[in-house]
Amino acid sequence: MTVRDIARRANVSNGTVSRVLNNHVNVAADLRSRVIEAVNELGYSPARARQRATDLPQLRTIGFLLTLPHLEAAQDLMAPFWAHLLQGAEAEAARLGAQVTYCSLPGRHTVAADVLERVSDLGLDATLLVGAPSPAVVAAAEELGMPVVVVDTLLDPDELGGIPHDAVLPDYFHGTYLVTQELLKAGHQKLAFVGGPLAEGVVINTVPAVEMRARGFREALVHAGIPHNRDHFAESDLTQQGGYEAALALLAHDPDISGLVCANDALASGAIRALRDVGRRVPEDVSVVGGSDELGEHIFPPLTSYRFDQPALGALAVQRLARRAKNPTAPAVTTLLPVEIVRRQSVHPAL
């Protein structure tokens, strides 16, 4: 409980509460009585309050820097998924007496110099680097000497000069493994994966969190004894329109594909629209699964996907920042949020 909570309960000003707690004499008896009653009701402890204030001496303003280099327009960034993460971060920050400042860094604004300038302008005490920050961006933020946590991605420490970093993200590998297994259990053998931008000349997603999903897809195929076809990996910008175009390209190359594993629900939604436009029934002709369960129950047919607590991801990231602020020399920690499969009507036994 805070002084503000007590003031609200007693219907007095914050200053009145402060004077009562510090035993000032210039407080009317009835006001003093109301404050003391509120203190007792709320279980306020000045000792605990002082400890709470010293626990996080540097965390008053936390940055939520959303960096998605595959998107150029800032308005494309705040999808429901990111909004839920921001909501969780704001709630946890408020609990700790801090506030969150949101900032988007699309496309060309993701270079290290831009991040340094933006963080400096915002006057942040700590920052969450959310989405797909490059190793250079993470290194630049670390150089500022403030607590930094990477959210929704996992970078190779070697790309950061061997410097480990704190990271919080869902277990995308396991989630995609689970939804791919759903297709395999239904008898589908010709599967394709719709992911993000691919590195030039190789089938590797440039967005690390999407590559985690692709590895889950590959692993499920390996365990089922099915070789994966390089031509069955399509790239996109991870939007609905990207899913639409990727599905059309996959079907043009191989009309016999009977199952699509999409890196997120937005891609799955676009892919289903593309399938319908070319006369393919979902799920009777082609089964489709998604990821993160952002839109699953709102798509027709309702989408098999996997879910995790999205606000909790933002809250965990702020908690990790708090621990880093308390102990700057502690070992770096990577936290994987567990996922669970959500079975719906977008998977049908193979014909």
Protein backbone atom coordinates (compact mmCIF):
# COMPACT_ATOMS: atom_id res chain seq x y z
CA MET A 1 0.00 0.00 0.00
CA THR A 2 1.16 3.53 -0.72
CA VAL A 3 0.46 6.99 0.70
CA ARG A 4 -1.82 7.58 -2.27
CA ASP A 5 -3.89 4.49 -1.39
CA ILE A 6 -4.27 5.67 2.19
CA ALA A 7 -5.27 9.17 1.09
CA ARG A 8 -7.90 7.75 -1.23
CA ARG A 9 -9.34 5.49 1.50
CA ALA A 10 -9.39 8.31 4.11
CA ASN A 11 -10.58 10.92 1.59
CA VAL A 12 -7.75 13.31 2.47
CA SER A 13 -4.75 14.72 0.62
CA ASN A 14 -1.42 12.93 0.23
CA GLY A 15 0.15 15.71 2.31
CA THR A 16 -2.23 15.04 5.20
CA VAL A 17 -1.31 11.37 5.17
CA SER A 18 2.38 12.25 5.11
CA ARG A 19 2.01 14.59 8.09
CA VAL A 20 0.13 11.96 10.10
CA LEU A 21 2.69 9.25 9.33
CA ASN A 22 5.49 11.62 10.37
CA ASN A 23 3.67 12.67 13.58
CA HIS A 24 3.22 16.33 12.70
CA VAL A 25 1.07 18.21 15.20
CA ASN A 26 -0.72 20.48 12.71
CA VAL A 27 -3.35 17.92 11.67
CA ALA A 28 -6.97 18.13 12.76
CA ALA A 29 -8.04 15.36 15.10
CA ASP A 30 -10.77 14.04 12.83
CA LEU A 31 -8.40 13.89 9.84
CA ARG A 32 -5.75 12.15 11.92
CA SER A 33 -8.34 9.61 13.04
CA ARG A 34 -9.45 8.90 9.46
CA VAL A 35 -5.87 8.42 8.29
CA ILE A 36 -5.03 6.06 11.16
CA GLU A 37 -8.19 4.08 10.47
CA ALA A 38 -7.25 3.79 6.77
CA VAL A 39 -3.72 2.71 7.69
CA ASN A 40 -5.09 -0.06 9.88
CA GLU A 41 -7.60 -1.19 7.26
CA LEU A 42 -4.99 -1.35 4.51
CA GLY A 43 -2.24 -2.91 6.59
CA TYR A 44 0.24 -0.18 5.72
CA SER A 45 3.73 -0.55 7.19
CA PRO A 46 6.14 2.42 6.95
CA ALA A 47 9.06 0.02 7.31
CA ARG A 48 7.88 -2.05 4.34
CA ALA A 49 7.24 1.11 2.35
CA ARG A 50 10.76 2.36 2.99
CA GLN A 51 12.17 -1.04 2.00
CA ARG A 52 10.10 -1.00 -1.21
CA ALA A 53 11.41 2.45 -2.07
CA THR A 54 15.03 1.38 -1.63
CA ASP A 55 14.57 -1.89 -3.53
CA LEU A 56 14.24 -0.10 -6.86
CA PRO A 57 16.09 3.22 -6.55
CA GLN A 58 16.60 3.57 -10.31
CA LEU A 59 13.31 2.31 -11.74
CA ARG A 60 10.93 5.20 -12.10
CA THR A 61 10.63 5.42 -15.88
CA ILE A 62 10.79 2.20 -17.94
CA GLY A 63 10.97 2.19 -21.72
CA PHE A 64 8.93 -0.23 -23.84
CA LEU A 65 10.84 0.02 -27.13
CA LEU A 66 9.10 -2.03 -29.80
CA THR A 67 11.50 -2.76 -32.67
CA LEU A 68 10.22 -4.64 -35.73
CA PRO A 69 12.60 -4.06 -38.63
CA HIS A 70 10.43 -6.00 -41.12
CA LEU A 71 7.67 -3.36 -40.80
CA GLU A 72 8.18 0.17 -42.10
CA ALA A 73 5.04 1.91 -40.82
CA ALA A 74 4.72 2.70 -37.12
CA GLN A 75 0.95 2.14 -37.26
CA ASP A 76 1.56 -1.52 -38.15
CA LEU A 77 3.44 -2.19 -34.94
CA MET A 78 0.84 -2.03 -32.17
CA ALA A 79 -1.01 -5.26 -32.96
CA PRO A 80 -3.14 -6.78 -30.15
CA PHE A 81 -0.24 -9.03 -29.18
CA TRP A 82 2.07 -6.10 -28.39
CA ALA A 83 -0.75 -4.20 -26.70
CA HIS A 84 -1.28 -7.12 -24.30
CA LEU A 85 2.43 -7.22 -23.47
CA LEU A 86 2.42 -3.47 -22.86
CA GLN A 87 -0.64 -3.82 -20.62
CA GLY A 88 1.13 -6.40 -18.46
CA ALA A 89 4.30 -4.31 -18.27
CA GLU A 90 2.36 -1.20 -17.25
CA ALA A 91 0.47 -3.04 -14.52
CA GLU A 92 3.64 -4.50 -13.01
CA ALA A 93 5.49 -1.19 -13.28
CA ALA A 94 2.65 0.58 -11.46
CA ARG A 95 2.81 -2.01 -8.71
CA LEU A 96 6.50 -1.17 -8.29
CA GLY A 97 5.91 2.58 -8.34
CA ALA A 98 7.23 3.11 -11.87
CA GLN A 99 5.70 4.12 -15.19
CA VAL A 100 6.17 2.77 -18.71
CA THR A 101 6.91 4.89 -21.77
CA TYR A 102 6.00 3.29 -25.10
CA CYS A 103 8.11 3.97 -28.18
CA SER A 104 7.98 2.26 -31.59
CA LEU A 105 11.03 1.84 -33.80
CA PRO A 106 9.91 0.46 -37.17
CA GLY A 107 12.11 -0.40 -40.13
CA ARG A 108 14.96 1.98 -40.68
CA HIS A 109 14.76 3.37 -37.13
CA THR A 110 16.18 0.22 -35.58
CA VAL A 111 19.87 1.10 -35.95
CA ALA A 112 21.88 1.50 -32.77
CA ALA A 113 22.32 5.27 -33.11
CA ASP A 114 18.55 5.79 -33.28
CA VAL A 115 18.01 3.70 -30.16
CA LEU A 116 20.64 5.60 -28.20
CA GLU A 117 19.12 8.91 -29.24
CA ARG A 118 15.58 7.81 -28.43
CA VAL A 119 16.48 6.37 -25.03
CA SER A 120 18.43 9.52 -24.19
CA ASP A 121 15.52 11.77 -25.23
CA LEU A 122 13.06 9.83 -23.09
CA GLY A 123 15.20 10.03 -19.96
CA LEU A 124 14.68 6.35 -19.12
CA ASP A 125 15.98 4.55 -16.04
CA ALA A 126 15.67 1.12 -17.68
CA THR A 127 14.30 -0.30 -20.89
CA LEU A 128 12.58 -3.30 -22.40
CA LEU A 129 13.74 -4.05 -25.94
CA VAL A 130 10.68 -5.74 -27.40
CA GLY A 131 10.14 -7.55 -30.69
CA ALA A 132 13.18 -8.08 -32.87
CA PRO A 133 16.00 -5.77 -31.78
CA SER A 134 19.28 -6.43 -33.55
CA PRO A 135 22.39 -7.41 -31.57
CA ALA A 136 23.78 -3.92 -32.29
CA VAL A 137 20.68 -2.32 -30.76
CA VAL A 138 20.92 -4.48 -27.62
CA ALA A 139 24.63 -3.75 -27.28
CA ALA A 140 24.00 -0.02 -27.69
CA ALA A 141 21.34 -0.02 -24.98
CA GLU A 142 23.62 -2.01 -22.66
CA GLU A 143 26.37 0.58 -23.18
CA LEU A 144 24.14 3.21 -21.53
CA GLY A 145 24.65 1.39 -18.24
CA MET A 146 20.95 0.94 -17.48
CA PRO A 147 19.07 -2.32 -16.85
CA VAL A 148 17.99 -3.89 -20.16
CA VAL A 149 15.76 -6.90 -20.82
CA VAL A 150 15.07 -8.33 -24.26
CA VAL A 151 11.43 -9.39 -24.70
CA ASP A 152 9.96 -11.90 -27.17
CA THR A 153 13.27 -12.81 -28.75
CA LEU A 154 16.49 -14.64 -27.96
CA LEU A 155 19.82 -13.54 -29.37
CA ASP A 156 23.07 -15.46 -29.63
CA PRO A 157 25.53 -14.11 -27.00
CA ASP A 158 28.30 -14.48 -29.59
CA GLU A 159 26.56 -11.80 -31.67
CA LEU A 160 26.75 -9.52 -28.64
CA GLY A 161 30.48 -9.95 -28.23
CA GLY A 162 30.01 -12.78 -25.76
CA ILE A 163 28.07 -10.58 -23.34
CA PRO A 164 25.02 -12.43 -21.93
CA HIS A 165 21.71 -10.61 -21.62
CA ASP A 166 18.43 -11.06 -19.79
CA ALA A 167 15.59 -12.31 -22.00
CA VAL A 168 11.92 -13.14 -21.48
CA LEU A 169 9.93 -14.92 -24.18
CA PRO A 170 7.35 -17.66 -24.76
CA ASP A 171 8.44 -21.19 -25.60
CA TYR A 172 7.76 -20.73 -29.32
CA PHE A 173 9.72 -23.88 -30.19
CA HIS A 174 7.47 -26.10 -28.10
CA GLY A 175 4.29 -24.34 -29.18
CA THR A 176 5.00 -24.83 -32.87
CA TYR A 177 6.09 -28.39 -32.24
CA LEU A 178 2.70 -29.06 -30.63
CA VAL A 179 0.57 -27.58 -33.43
CA THR A 180 2.67 -29.35 -36.08
CA GLN A 181 2.06 -32.62 -34.25
CA GLU A 182 -1.68 -31.98 -34.50
CA LEU A 183 -1.38 -32.01 -38.28
CA LEU A 184 0.83 -35.10 -38.25
CA LYS A 185 -1.57 -36.97 -35.96
CA ALA A 186 -4.35 -36.14 -38.43
CA GLY A 187 -2.37 -37.94 -41.14
CA HIS A 188 -0.96 -34.95 -43.01
CA GLN A 189 2.36 -35.64 -44.71
CA LYS A 190 2.84 -32.63 -47.01
CA LEU A 191 3.26 -29.70 -44.66
CA ALA A 192 4.55 -26.18 -45.24
CA PHE A 193 5.65 -23.41 -42.89
CA VAL A 194 4.76 -19.74 -43.28
CA GLY A 195 7.26 -17.59 -41.39
CA GLY A 196 8.96 -14.22 -41.54
CA PRO A 197 11.71 -12.72 -43.71
CA LEU A 198 14.40 -15.22 -44.70
CA ALA A 199 18.13 -14.61 -44.76
CA GLU A 200 19.55 -14.35 -48.25
CA GLY A 201 20.45 -17.73 -49.73
CA VAL A 202 19.40 -19.84 -46.74
CA VAL A 203 16.15 -21.01 -45.14
CA ILE A 204 16.68 -19.18 -41.87
CA ASN A 205 14.25 -16.62 -40.53
CA THR A 206 15.91 -13.30 -39.76
CA VAL A 207 13.52 -12.72 -36.83
CA PRO A 208 14.94 -15.00 -34.07
CA ALA A 209 11.55 -15.68 -32.44
CA VAL A 210 10.19 -16.84 -35.80
CA GLU A 211 13.21 -19.05 -36.36
CA MET A 212 12.44 -20.68 -32.99
CA ARG A 213 9.02 -21.54 -34.39
CA ALA A 214 10.57 -22.89 -37.61
CA ARG A 215 12.85 -25.14 -35.56
CA GLY A 216 9.82 -26.50 -33.72
CA PHE A 217 8.24 -27.29 -37.09
CA ARG A 218 11.39 -29.01 -38.37
CA GLU A 219 11.81 -31.00 -35.15
CA ALA A 220 8.26 -32.34 -35.35
CA LEU A 221 8.88 -33.49 -38.92
CA VAL A 222 12.16 -35.15 -37.93
CA HIS A 223 10.50 -37.05 -35.10
CA ALA A 224 7.79 -38.20 -37.52
CA GLY A 225 10.42 -39.38 -40.03
CA ILE A 226 9.32 -36.86 -42.67
CA PRO A 227 12.05 -34.95 -44.54
CA HIS A 228 11.43 -31.22 -44.72
CA ASN A 229 11.38 -29.61 -48.14
CA ARG A 230 13.22 -26.30 -48.51
CA ASP A 231 10.55 -25.17 -50.95
CA HIS A 232 7.91 -25.61 -48.25
CA PHE A 233 9.23 -22.66 -46.22
CA ALA A 234 7.60 -19.39 -47.26
CA GLU A 235 8.61 -15.94 -46.07
CA SER A 236 6.39 -12.97 -45.25
CA ASP A 237 6.22 -9.74 -43.28
CA LEU A 238 4.21 -11.59 -40.59
CA THR A 239 0.97 -9.72 -41.40
CA GLN A 240 -2.37 -11.02 -42.70
CA GLN A 241 -1.55 -9.83 -46.20
CA GLY A 242 1.83 -11.52 -45.92
CA GLY A 243 0.11 -14.79 -45.02
CA TYR A 244 -2.23 -14.44 -48.00
CA GLU A 245 0.64 -13.97 -50.46
CA ALA A 246 2.78 -16.70 -48.91
CA ALA A 247 -0.04 -19.26 -49.09
CA LEU A 248 -0.66 -18.49 -52.75
CA ALA A 249 3.05 -18.91 -53.51
CA LEU A 250 3.23 -22.24 -51.69
CA LEU A 251 0.18 -23.66 -53.47
CA ALA A 252 1.43 -22.47 -56.85
CA HIS A 253 4.64 -24.37 -56.24
CA ASP A 254 3.00 -27.50 -54.76
CA PRO A 255 -0.80 -27.86 -55.02
CA ASP A 256 -0.66 -31.07 -52.96
CA ILE A 257 0.19 -29.32 -49.68
CA SER A 258 -2.45 -30.40 -47.17
CA GLY A 259 -1.32 -28.60 -44.01
CA LEU A 260 -0.02 -25.10 -43.26
CA VAL A 261 1.82 -24.20 -40.06
CA CYS A 262 1.78 -20.41 -39.65
CA ALA A 263 4.10 -18.53 -37.33
CA ASN A 264 1.23 -16.45 -35.94
CA ASP A 265 -2.54 -16.17 -36.15
CA ALA A 266 -2.42 -13.15 -38.45
CA LEU A 267 -0.54 -15.21 -41.05
CA ALA A 268 -3.02 -18.05 -40.61
CA SER A 269 -5.95 -15.69 -41.17
CA GLY A 270 -4.42 -14.44 -44.42
CA ALA A 271 -3.58 -17.98 -45.53
CA ILE A 272 -7.17 -19.16 -44.99
CA ARG A 273 -8.45 -16.28 -47.11
CA ALA A 274 -6.01 -17.23 -49.88
CA LEU A 275 -7.09 -20.87 -49.76
CA ARG A 276 -10.72 -19.90 -50.15
CA ASP A 277 -9.90 -17.59 -53.06
CA VAL A 278 -8.37 -20.50 -54.98
CA GLY A 279 -11.25 -22.85 -54.16
CA ARG A 280 -9.60 -24.87 -51.38
CA ARG A 281 -11.74 -25.76 -48.37
CA VAL A 282 -10.43 -25.25 -44.83
CA PRO A 283 -10.01 -27.66 -43.14
CA GLU A 284 -11.39 -30.35 -45.50
CA ASP A 285 -8.78 -29.77 -48.24
CA VAL A 286 -6.06 -27.93 -46.31
CA SER A 287 -5.71 -27.80 -42.54
CA VAL A 288 -4.20 -24.66 -40.99
CA VAL A 289 -2.68 -23.99 -37.55
CA GLY A 290 -1.39 -20.76 -36.04
CA GLY A 291 0.58 -19.49 -33.08
CA SER A 292 0.13 -17.24 -30.01
CA ASP A 293 -3.68 -17.52 -30.22
CA GLU A 294 -4.23 -13.82 -30.91
CA LEU A 295 -7.16 -14.31 -33.31
CA GLY A 296 -7.89 -18.02 -33.11
CA GLU A 297 -11.47 -17.94 -31.86
CA HIS A 298 -12.39 -15.10 -34.23
CA ILE A 299 -11.24 -16.83 -37.44
CA PHE A 300 -13.51 -19.12 -39.44
CA PRO A 301 -13.05 -21.94 -38.98
CA PRO A 302 -11.83 -21.36 -35.40
CA LEU A 303 -8.08 -21.85 -35.45
CA THR A 304 -6.02 -24.53 -33.72
CA SER A 305 -3.14 -22.63 -32.13
CA TYR A 306 -1.17 -22.41 -28.90
CA ARG A 307 -1.53 -19.82 -26.20
CA PHE A 308 0.34 -18.28 -23.32
CA ASP A 309 -0.40 -15.48 -20.88
CA GLN A 310 0.56 -12.41 -22.92
CA PRO A 311 0.16 -9.77 -20.15
CA ALA A 312 2.21 -12.04 -17.87
CA LEU A 313 5.04 -11.87 -20.40
CA GLY A 314 5.17 -8.07 -20.05
CA ALA A 315 4.95 -8.32 -16.26
CA LEU A 316 7.77 -10.88 -16.10
CA ALA A 317 9.96 -8.59 -18.18
CA VAL A 318 9.47 -5.71 -15.73
CA GLN A 319 10.20 -8.04 -12.81
CA ARG A 320 13.43 -9.06 -14.50
CA LEU A 321 14.35 -5.38 -14.95
CA ALA A 322 13.74 -4.82 -11.24
CA ARG A 323 16.04 -7.69 -10.31
CA ARG A 324 18.69 -6.44 -12.71
CA ALA A 325 18.49 -2.95 -11.17
CA LYS A 326 18.91 -4.47 -7.72
CA ASN A 327 21.86 -6.64 -8.70
CA PRO A 328 23.61 -5.39 -11.86
CA THR A 329 26.32 -8.07 -11.65
CA ALA A 330 23.99 -11.08 -11.31
CA PRO A 331 24.19 -13.77 -14.02
CA ALA A 332 21.97 -13.18 -17.03
CA VAL A 333 18.72 -15.15 -17.05
CA THR A 334 16.51 -16.36 -19.90
CA THR A 335 12.89 -17.00 -18.93
CA LEU A 336 10.68 -19.16 -21.18
CA LEU A 337 6.96 -18.73 -20.61
CA PRO A 338 5.12 -22.07 -20.93
CA VAL A 339 2.57 -22.55 -23.72
CA GLU A 340 -0.50 -24.77 -24.12
CA ILE A 341 -2.21 -26.02 -27.25
CA VAL A 342 -5.73 -24.87 -28.12
CA ARG A 343 -7.54 -27.36 -30.35
CA ARG A 344 -10.26 -25.97 -32.58
CA GLN A 345 -11.87 -26.76 -35.94
CA SER A 346 -9.11 -25.81 -38.43
CA VAL A 347 -7.56 -29.32 -38.45
CA HIS A 348 -9.25 -32.17 -40.35
CA PRO A 349 -8.02 -35.72 -41.05
CA ALA A 350 -6.03 -35.93 -44.26
CA LEU A 351 -7.96 -37.10 -47.31
